[in-house]
Amino acid sequence: MVRTGWSSRWPDAKRYLGSDVPKDTQNLHFPGVSPEAAEALVARKVAVVGIDTASIDHGLTRDFRAHQVFAAAQIPCLENVARLDELPVTGAIVFALPMKIGGGLGGPCRIVALLHPGS
């Protein structure tokens, strides 16, 4: 899980996305995973990547390289993950329970974490 702290800006669309104008993709502004970081995570053989921003790629991206790197390695990405600040740095097991939607490329998930005693 990538905890940027950006979720503290939710639900203010202008602060969270960089723009509160519907369909305004030219002014999006939020952090994401760089292509180099995505490649490093793939090399570490992570099973899934999650982030507390609107996209795994940064807001001003036009090429979506992190998405491409993770997709090529068949690593699913979770976006808009809430309450990451409540998880310990280590010692949690995270479950992502997607809605059963046929033929889609993505969809909403219920994400829950199991904390080890004392975490």
Protein backbone atom coordinates (compact mmCIF):
# COMPACT_ATOMS: atom_id res chain seq x y z
CA MET A 1 0.00 0.00 0.00
CA VAL A 2 1.29 3.43 -0.95
CA ARG A 3 0.30 5.94 1.71
CA THR A 4 0.74 9.49 0.38
CA GLY A 5 -1.52 11.18 2.92
CA TRP A 6 -3.54 12.62 0.02
CA SER A 7 -6.77 11.02 1.25
CA SER A 8 -6.95 13.71 3.96
CA ARG A 9 -8.12 16.01 1.15
CA TRP A 10 -11.25 13.94 0.54
CA PRO A 11 -14.14 14.80 -0.10
CA ASP A 12 -13.03 18.22 -1.43
CA ALA A 13 -12.72 17.42 -5.17
CA LYS A 14 -10.57 20.47 -5.93
CA ARG A 15 -8.04 19.57 -3.22
CA TYR A 16 -8.19 15.80 -3.89
CA LEU A 17 -8.17 15.84 -7.70
CA GLY A 18 -6.80 19.29 -8.49
CA SER A 19 -10.03 20.31 -10.21
CA ASP A 20 -13.69 20.22 -9.28
CA VAL A 21 -14.84 20.66 -12.89
CA PRO A 22 -16.49 17.45 -14.18
CA LYS A 23 -14.45 15.67 -16.89
CA ASP A 24 -11.55 18.14 -16.53
CA THR A 25 -8.60 15.80 -17.02
CA GLN A 26 -6.20 18.58 -18.04
CA ASN A 27 -5.85 19.97 -14.51
CA LEU A 28 -5.70 16.86 -12.35
CA HIS A 29 -3.06 17.07 -9.65
CA PHE A 30 -2.21 14.31 -7.16
CA PRO A 31 0.77 12.04 -6.48
CA GLY A 32 1.20 8.59 -7.98
CA VAL A 33 3.72 5.80 -8.50
CA SER A 34 6.56 6.59 -10.91
CA PRO A 35 7.33 4.09 -13.69
CA GLU A 36 10.66 3.37 -11.95
CA ALA A 37 8.93 2.63 -8.64
CA ALA A 38 6.41 0.44 -10.48
CA GLU A 39 9.27 -1.53 -12.06
CA ALA A 40 10.93 -1.92 -8.65
CA LEU A 41 7.68 -3.25 -7.15
CA VAL A 42 7.32 -5.69 -10.04
CA ALA A 43 10.91 -6.85 -9.46
CA ARG A 44 10.02 -7.43 -5.79
CA LYS A 45 7.14 -9.60 -7.01
CA VAL A 46 4.40 -7.76 -5.13
CA ALA A 47 0.95 -9.33 -5.49
CA VAL A 48 -1.10 -6.11 -5.59
CA VAL A 49 -0.52 -2.35 -5.27
CA GLY A 50 -2.87 0.11 -3.62
CA ILE A 51 -2.72 3.90 -3.24
CA ASP A 52 -4.73 6.56 -1.41
CA THR A 53 -5.07 8.80 -4.48
CA ALA A 54 -7.41 8.78 -7.49
CA SER A 55 -4.96 6.86 -9.68
CA ILE A 56 -1.84 4.73 -9.44
CA ASP A 57 -0.32 7.23 -11.93
CA HIS A 58 0.12 10.89 -10.95
CA GLY A 59 -2.63 13.35 -11.87
CA LEU A 60 -0.91 15.05 -14.82
CA THR A 61 0.10 11.82 -16.54
CA ARG A 62 -0.70 11.42 -20.21
CA ASP A 63 0.98 8.06 -20.78
CA PHE A 64 -0.11 6.05 -17.69
CA ARG A 65 3.23 4.26 -17.47
CA ALA A 66 2.68 2.84 -13.96
CA HIS A 67 -0.61 1.32 -15.14
CA GLN A 68 1.22 -0.20 -18.11
CA VAL A 69 4.05 -1.63 -15.98
CA PHE A 70 1.65 -3.22 -13.49
CA ALA A 71 -0.71 -4.50 -16.19
CA ALA A 72 2.15 -6.13 -18.10
CA ALA A 73 3.09 -7.97 -14.89
CA GLN A 74 -0.58 -8.82 -14.18
CA ILE A 75 -0.49 -6.94 -10.87
CA PRO A 76 -3.86 -5.47 -9.89
CA CYS A 77 -4.00 -1.88 -8.63
CA LEU A 78 -6.33 -0.47 -5.98
CA GLU A 79 -7.02 3.26 -6.14
CA ASN A 80 -8.75 5.65 -3.74
CA VAL A 81 -7.91 3.37 -0.82
CA ALA A 82 -9.35 4.99 2.31
CA ARG A 83 -7.96 5.05 5.84
CA LEU A 84 -4.43 3.87 5.03
CA ASP A 85 -3.27 6.17 7.81
CA GLU A 86 -4.93 3.75 10.26
CA LEU A 87 -2.83 0.78 9.15
CA PRO A 88 0.51 -0.05 10.75
CA VAL A 89 3.55 0.10 8.46
CA THR A 90 3.83 -3.69 8.75
CA GLY A 91 1.70 -6.39 10.29
CA ALA A 92 -1.61 -6.15 8.43
CA ILE A 93 -3.23 -8.48 5.93
CA VAL A 94 -5.33 -6.64 3.34
CA PHE A 95 -8.26 -8.18 1.50
CA ALA A 96 -9.75 -6.58 -1.62
CA LEU A 97 -13.21 -7.90 -2.38
CA PRO A 98 -14.28 -6.76 -5.88
CA MET A 99 -17.86 -6.62 -7.05
CA LYS A 100 -18.65 -9.41 -9.48
CA ILE A 101 -18.92 -7.54 -12.80
CA GLY A 102 -18.57 -9.50 -16.04
CA GLY A 103 -16.49 -8.15 -18.92
CA GLY A 104 -15.13 -5.12 -17.09
CA LEU A 105 -11.57 -3.91 -16.72
CA GLY A 106 -12.11 -2.53 -13.23
CA GLY A 107 -14.68 -2.00 -10.57
CA PRO A 108 -15.33 -1.01 -6.98
CA CYS A 109 -13.88 -3.09 -4.16
CA ARG A 110 -14.56 -3.39 -0.47
CA ILE A 111 -11.08 -3.31 1.07
CA VAL A 112 -10.61 -4.58 4.61
CA ALA A 113 -7.53 -5.15 6.74
CA LEU A 114 -6.84 -7.75 9.40
CA LEU A 115 -4.47 -6.46 12.05
CA HIS A 116 -2.24 -8.72 14.08
CA PRO A 117 -2.74 -8.42 17.84
CA GLY A 118 -0.62 -5.62 19.23
CA SER A 119 -0.43 -3.76 15.89
